[in-house]
Amino acid sequence: MKLIENWQQAWKLKSVQVGAASAFFYALILLSEQFLGVWNVIPQELKNKLPENVAEWVGMFVGVAMVLARLKKQPELHSDIQPFVTITAGHSNTDPGAVNGKYKEADLVRNLRNAVAHYLLSAGVAIKTDGTGTINLPLNNAIALAKGASIAVEFHMNAATSKQANGIETIALPQSKLLAQKLSQAVAGVFGSRLRGDDGWIDQSKSARGKLGFVNAGGLIVELGFISNDEELAQFNAKYWTAAKAVAKVLIDYEKGI
């Protein structure tokens, strides 16, 4: 790489000219701030003693200094908004989803949502959910919460006429394939279930449900097994806290870039 031999050559570079101009104006802004700081602490009675012609010039300089001080870059409007993870439960308090005896899908996935939320909060992760405790708000709330989240995950359970149907899957867009697989693997590892689809990932274009609002908003839908399968239902009820911890770890690692 050829070095620049003197400042005349360097000055011809646009990057140097822009940098020098930026430094000059920033120095003016800092000087203006310092001047205003000193000017504001001077008692008014002393300011009143300035000769009229001097006071006019000082007044002009104060005005210019105030304008320059305002040019200093202000914090971005949304710079205080921190990344957050959205965790939601499928269906709602008014829509039970699939049912097996006394067990309702909406209640089961709500329990797992609460457990995952607990582990994320314990790890210091900012979260948004579609309810706490027994509250499970409708789908439109979940879709709204998915927008703007660094990760958005909703929990469901599959159901089938055959009680032998089983397995874990996560429905997501192709760009979320790896995360979908990790989530499915975490759940399957706890419940001892098999992975469905592509190592636990289902492209929503191949899902029986077709296009899903939550997935289109960037979210992932984790199917936690089949509520219609008595064995998987029993595994869920016995181990959902452990599964929640495994899911939370996947999400925490994802947030950390691991």
Protein backbone atom coordinates (compact mmCIF):
# COMPACT_ATOMS: atom_id res chain seq x y z
CA MET A 1 0.00 0.00 0.00
CA LYS A 2 1.45 3.40 -0.99
CA LEU A 3 1.67 5.85 1.87
CA ILE A 4 0.55 9.47 1.51
CA GLU A 5 3.76 11.49 1.52
CA ASN A 6 2.60 14.94 2.63
CA TRP A 7 -0.38 16.83 3.94
CA GLN A 8 -1.08 18.51 0.59
CA GLN A 9 -1.78 15.12 -0.95
CA ALA A 10 -3.81 14.06 2.05
CA TRP A 11 -5.93 17.21 1.86
CA LYS A 12 -7.06 16.26 -1.65
CA LEU A 13 -8.89 13.26 -0.23
CA LYS A 14 -12.62 13.85 0.29
CA SER A 15 -12.57 11.74 3.44
CA VAL A 16 -9.91 14.00 4.96
CA GLN A 17 -11.77 17.16 3.97
CA VAL A 18 -15.04 15.90 5.40
CA GLY A 19 -13.31 14.73 8.56
CA ALA A 20 -11.59 18.08 9.04
CA ALA A 21 -14.84 19.99 8.48
CA SER A 22 -16.65 17.74 10.93
CA ALA A 23 -13.94 18.22 13.54
CA PHE A 24 -14.02 22.01 13.05
CA PHE A 25 -17.78 22.27 13.48
CA TYR A 26 -17.77 19.89 16.42
CA ALA A 27 -15.12 22.07 18.08
CA LEU A 28 -17.36 25.10 17.50
CA ILE A 29 -20.28 23.28 19.08
CA LEU A 30 -18.22 22.33 22.13
CA LEU A 31 -16.92 25.91 22.44
CA SER A 32 -20.50 27.20 22.21
CA GLU A 33 -21.62 24.83 24.96
CA GLN A 34 -18.78 25.95 27.21
CA PHE A 35 -19.53 29.63 26.53
CA LEU A 36 -23.21 29.19 27.31
CA GLY A 37 -22.33 27.35 30.50
CA VAL A 38 -20.18 30.28 31.66
CA TRP A 39 -22.65 32.91 30.43
CA ASN A 40 -25.53 31.33 32.34
CA VAL A 41 -23.72 31.52 35.68
CA ILE A 42 -22.84 35.22 35.34
CA PRO A 43 -25.23 37.26 37.52
CA GLN A 44 -27.71 39.35 35.54
CA GLU A 45 -26.62 42.55 37.31
CA LEU A 46 -23.12 42.13 35.87
CA LYS A 47 -24.51 41.48 32.40
CA ASN A 48 -26.51 44.70 32.67
CA LYS A 49 -23.29 46.68 33.22
CA LEU A 50 -21.92 45.78 29.77
CA PRO A 51 -21.68 48.75 27.37
CA GLU A 52 -24.52 48.82 24.87
CA ASN A 53 -22.33 48.18 21.81
CA VAL A 54 -20.59 45.27 23.58
CA ALA A 55 -23.93 43.88 24.77
CA GLU A 56 -25.19 43.76 21.17
CA TRP A 57 -22.20 41.72 20.03
CA VAL A 58 -22.41 39.45 23.05
CA GLY A 59 -26.13 38.95 22.41
CA MET A 60 -25.44 37.94 18.81
CA PHE A 61 -22.73 35.53 19.93
CA VAL A 62 -25.06 34.02 22.55
CA GLY A 63 -27.71 33.49 19.89
CA VAL A 64 -25.27 31.80 17.53
CA ALA A 65 -23.91 29.69 20.40
CA MET A 66 -27.41 28.51 21.28
CA VAL A 67 -28.06 27.48 17.68
CA LEU A 68 -24.75 25.62 17.48
CA ALA A 69 -25.38 23.90 20.80
CA ARG A 70 -28.69 22.59 19.48
CA LEU A 71 -26.89 21.06 16.50
CA LYS A 72 -25.12 18.58 18.75
CA LYS A 73 -26.39 15.10 17.92
CA GLN A 74 -29.28 14.23 20.17
CA PRO A 75 -30.05 10.68 21.30
CA GLU A 76 -32.11 8.74 18.79
CA LEU A 77 -35.81 8.77 19.50
CA HIS A 78 -35.93 5.06 20.25
CA SER A 79 -32.38 4.53 21.52
CA ASP A 80 -33.70 3.61 24.96
CA ILE A 81 -35.72 0.69 23.59
CA GLN A 82 -34.03 -2.56 24.54
CA PRO A 83 -34.26 -5.84 22.62
CA PHE A 84 -36.95 -8.17 23.91
CA VAL A 85 -38.14 -11.72 23.46
CA THR A 86 -41.83 -12.42 22.87
CA ILE A 87 -43.26 -15.57 24.45
CA THR A 88 -46.91 -16.40 23.77
CA ALA A 89 -49.34 -19.28 24.28
CA GLY A 90 -51.51 -20.60 21.47
CA HIS A 91 -55.28 -20.15 21.39
CA SER A 92 -56.78 -18.18 24.30
CA ASN A 93 -59.04 -18.15 27.34
CA THR A 94 -62.02 -18.27 24.97
CA ASP A 95 -60.52 -20.75 22.46
CA PRO A 96 -59.35 -23.99 24.13
CA GLY A 97 -57.68 -25.42 21.04
CA ALA A 98 -57.36 -29.22 20.95
CA VAL A 99 -58.76 -31.19 23.89
CA ASN A 100 -57.99 -34.60 25.40
CA GLY A 101 -60.34 -35.40 28.27
CA LYS A 102 -59.96 -32.70 30.90
CA TYR A 103 -56.83 -31.26 29.27
CA LYS A 104 -57.10 -28.23 27.00
CA GLU A 105 -54.30 -27.16 24.67
CA ALA A 106 -54.67 -23.49 25.61
CA ASP A 107 -54.15 -24.29 29.31
CA LEU A 108 -51.15 -26.56 28.78
CA VAL A 109 -49.23 -24.21 26.50
CA ARG A 110 -50.05 -21.32 28.83
CA ASN A 111 -48.32 -23.23 31.63
CA LEU A 112 -45.22 -23.73 29.51
CA ARG A 113 -45.26 -20.08 28.44
CA ASN A 114 -45.28 -19.02 32.09
CA ALA A 115 -42.40 -21.37 32.90
CA VAL A 116 -40.27 -20.15 29.98
CA ALA A 117 -41.02 -16.55 30.95
CA HIS A 118 -39.86 -17.33 34.49
CA TYR A 119 -36.50 -18.67 33.32
CA LEU A 120 -35.93 -15.81 30.88
CA LEU A 121 -36.70 -13.17 33.49
CA SER A 122 -34.41 -14.95 35.96
CA ALA A 123 -31.62 -14.66 33.37
CA GLY A 124 -32.27 -10.93 32.93
CA VAL A 125 -33.86 -11.22 29.49
CA ALA A 126 -36.49 -8.60 28.68
CA ILE A 127 -39.71 -10.28 27.59
CA LYS A 128 -43.23 -9.58 26.40
CA THR A 129 -46.02 -12.12 26.78
CA ASP A 130 -49.68 -12.42 25.86
CA GLY A 131 -50.63 -12.75 29.50
CA THR A 132 -49.47 -13.88 32.91
CA GLY A 133 -50.86 -16.51 35.24
CA THR A 134 -54.09 -17.89 33.81
CA ILE A 135 -54.45 -15.15 31.21
CA ASN A 136 -54.05 -16.19 27.57
CA LEU A 137 -54.97 -13.40 25.17
CA PRO A 138 -56.23 -13.99 21.59
CA LEU A 139 -53.96 -14.46 18.57
CA ASN A 140 -54.07 -10.84 17.38
CA ASN A 141 -52.29 -9.81 20.58
CA ALA A 142 -49.55 -12.39 19.99
CA ILE A 143 -49.02 -11.19 16.42
CA ALA A 144 -48.70 -7.59 17.59
CA LEU A 145 -46.13 -8.62 20.21
CA ALA A 146 -44.10 -10.57 17.65
CA LYS A 147 -43.37 -7.43 15.66
CA GLY A 148 -40.20 -5.76 16.87
CA ALA A 149 -39.05 -8.71 18.97
CA SER A 150 -35.55 -10.14 18.55
CA ILE A 151 -37.21 -13.56 18.91
CA ALA A 152 -40.92 -14.41 19.02
CA VAL A 153 -42.04 -17.89 20.04
CA GLU A 154 -45.55 -19.27 20.44
CA PHE A 155 -46.38 -22.66 21.93
CA HIS A 156 -49.01 -25.09 20.63
CA MET A 157 -49.77 -28.80 20.75
CA ASN A 158 -50.68 -30.93 17.78
CA ALA A 159 -53.70 -33.24 17.60
CA ALA A 160 -54.71 -36.10 15.31
CA THR A 161 -57.44 -38.69 14.98
CA SER A 162 -54.79 -41.38 15.43
CA LYS A 163 -53.57 -41.62 19.01
CA GLN A 164 -50.27 -42.95 17.65
CA ALA A 165 -49.33 -39.65 15.96
CA ASN A 166 -46.38 -38.14 17.79
CA GLY A 167 -43.35 -35.91 17.61
CA ILE A 168 -42.08 -32.36 18.04
CA GLU A 169 -41.85 -29.70 15.35
CA THR A 170 -41.38 -25.96 15.03
CA ILE A 171 -43.02 -24.04 12.20
CA ALA A 172 -40.98 -21.09 10.96
CA LEU A 173 -39.78 -19.21 7.90
CA PRO A 174 -36.58 -20.52 6.24
CA GLN A 175 -34.41 -17.81 7.81
CA SER A 176 -35.31 -19.17 11.25
CA LYS A 177 -34.66 -22.82 10.35
CA LEU A 178 -31.65 -23.32 12.65
CA LEU A 179 -33.36 -21.77 15.66
CA ALA A 180 -36.49 -23.83 14.94
CA GLN A 181 -34.43 -27.02 14.90
CA LYS A 182 -32.71 -26.13 18.17
CA LEU A 183 -36.03 -25.43 19.87
CA SER A 184 -37.53 -28.71 18.68
CA GLN A 185 -34.42 -30.63 19.71
CA ALA A 186 -34.50 -29.07 23.18
CA VAL A 187 -38.13 -30.09 23.73
CA ALA A 188 -37.74 -33.55 22.19
CA GLY A 189 -34.68 -34.18 24.34
CA VAL A 190 -36.71 -33.64 27.51
CA PHE A 191 -39.88 -35.47 26.47
CA GLY A 192 -38.09 -38.32 24.70
CA SER A 193 -40.03 -37.61 21.51
CA ARG A 194 -39.02 -37.90 17.87
CA LEU A 195 -38.40 -34.90 15.62
CA ARG A 196 -40.83 -34.24 12.80
CA GLY A 197 -40.08 -32.53 9.49
CA ASP A 198 -36.52 -31.44 8.70
CA ASP A 199 -34.81 -32.31 11.98
CA GLY A 200 -37.60 -30.53 13.85
CA TRP A 201 -38.22 -27.67 11.40
CA ILE A 202 -41.36 -27.31 9.30
CA ASP A 203 -41.48 -24.62 6.62
CA GLN A 204 -44.89 -23.00 6.95
CA SER A 205 -45.40 -23.54 3.22
CA LYS A 206 -45.43 -27.28 4.02
CA SER A 207 -47.51 -26.95 7.17
CA ALA A 208 -51.03 -28.35 7.19
CA ARG A 209 -52.16 -24.96 8.49
CA GLY A 210 -50.73 -23.03 5.56
CA LYS A 211 -49.75 -19.41 6.13
CA LEU A 212 -49.83 -18.34 9.77
CA GLY A 213 -50.06 -14.76 10.98
CA PHE A 214 -47.60 -15.28 13.83
CA VAL A 215 -45.02 -16.87 11.53
CA ASN A 216 -45.48 -14.18 8.90
CA ALA A 217 -44.72 -11.64 11.64
CA GLY A 218 -41.33 -13.34 12.10
CA GLY A 219 -42.32 -15.71 14.89
CA LEU A 220 -41.76 -19.43 15.45
CA ILE A 221 -44.53 -21.82 16.50
CA VAL A 222 -43.31 -24.73 18.63
CA GLU A 223 -45.60 -27.77 18.56
CA LEU A 224 -44.89 -29.47 21.89
CA GLY A 225 -46.11 -32.93 20.90
CA PHE A 226 -49.58 -34.38 20.36
CA ILE A 227 -52.21 -33.75 23.01
CA SER A 228 -54.14 -36.62 21.41
CA ASN A 229 -51.27 -39.01 22.23
CA ASP A 230 -51.72 -40.09 25.85
CA GLU A 231 -48.03 -40.88 26.30
CA GLU A 232 -46.86 -37.50 24.99
CA LEU A 233 -49.52 -35.76 27.06
CA ALA A 234 -48.26 -37.53 30.18
CA GLN A 235 -44.66 -36.59 29.37
CA PHE A 236 -45.68 -32.98 28.92
CA ASN A 237 -47.50 -32.80 32.25
CA ALA A 238 -44.63 -34.47 34.09
CA LYS A 239 -41.75 -32.55 32.51
CA TYR A 240 -42.95 -29.22 31.14
CA TRP A 241 -40.88 -27.22 33.64
CA THR A 242 -37.74 -29.03 32.49
CA ALA A 243 -38.72 -28.48 28.87
CA ALA A 244 -39.27 -24.79 29.59
CA LYS A 245 -35.77 -24.53 31.04
CA ALA A 246 -34.32 -26.17 27.93
CA VAL A 247 -36.27 -23.81 25.65
CA ALA A 248 -35.17 -20.79 27.68
CA LYS A 249 -31.53 -21.85 27.34
CA VAL A 250 -31.86 -22.02 23.56
CA LEU A 251 -33.37 -18.53 23.49
CA ILE A 252 -30.76 -17.10 25.86
CA ASP A 253 -27.93 -18.58 23.80
CA TYR A 254 -29.51 -17.17 20.64
CA GLU A 255 -29.69 -13.71 22.21
CA LYS A 256 -26.01 -13.99 23.16
CA GLY A 257 -25.10 -15.08 19.64
CA ILE A 258 -23.95 -18.50 20.79
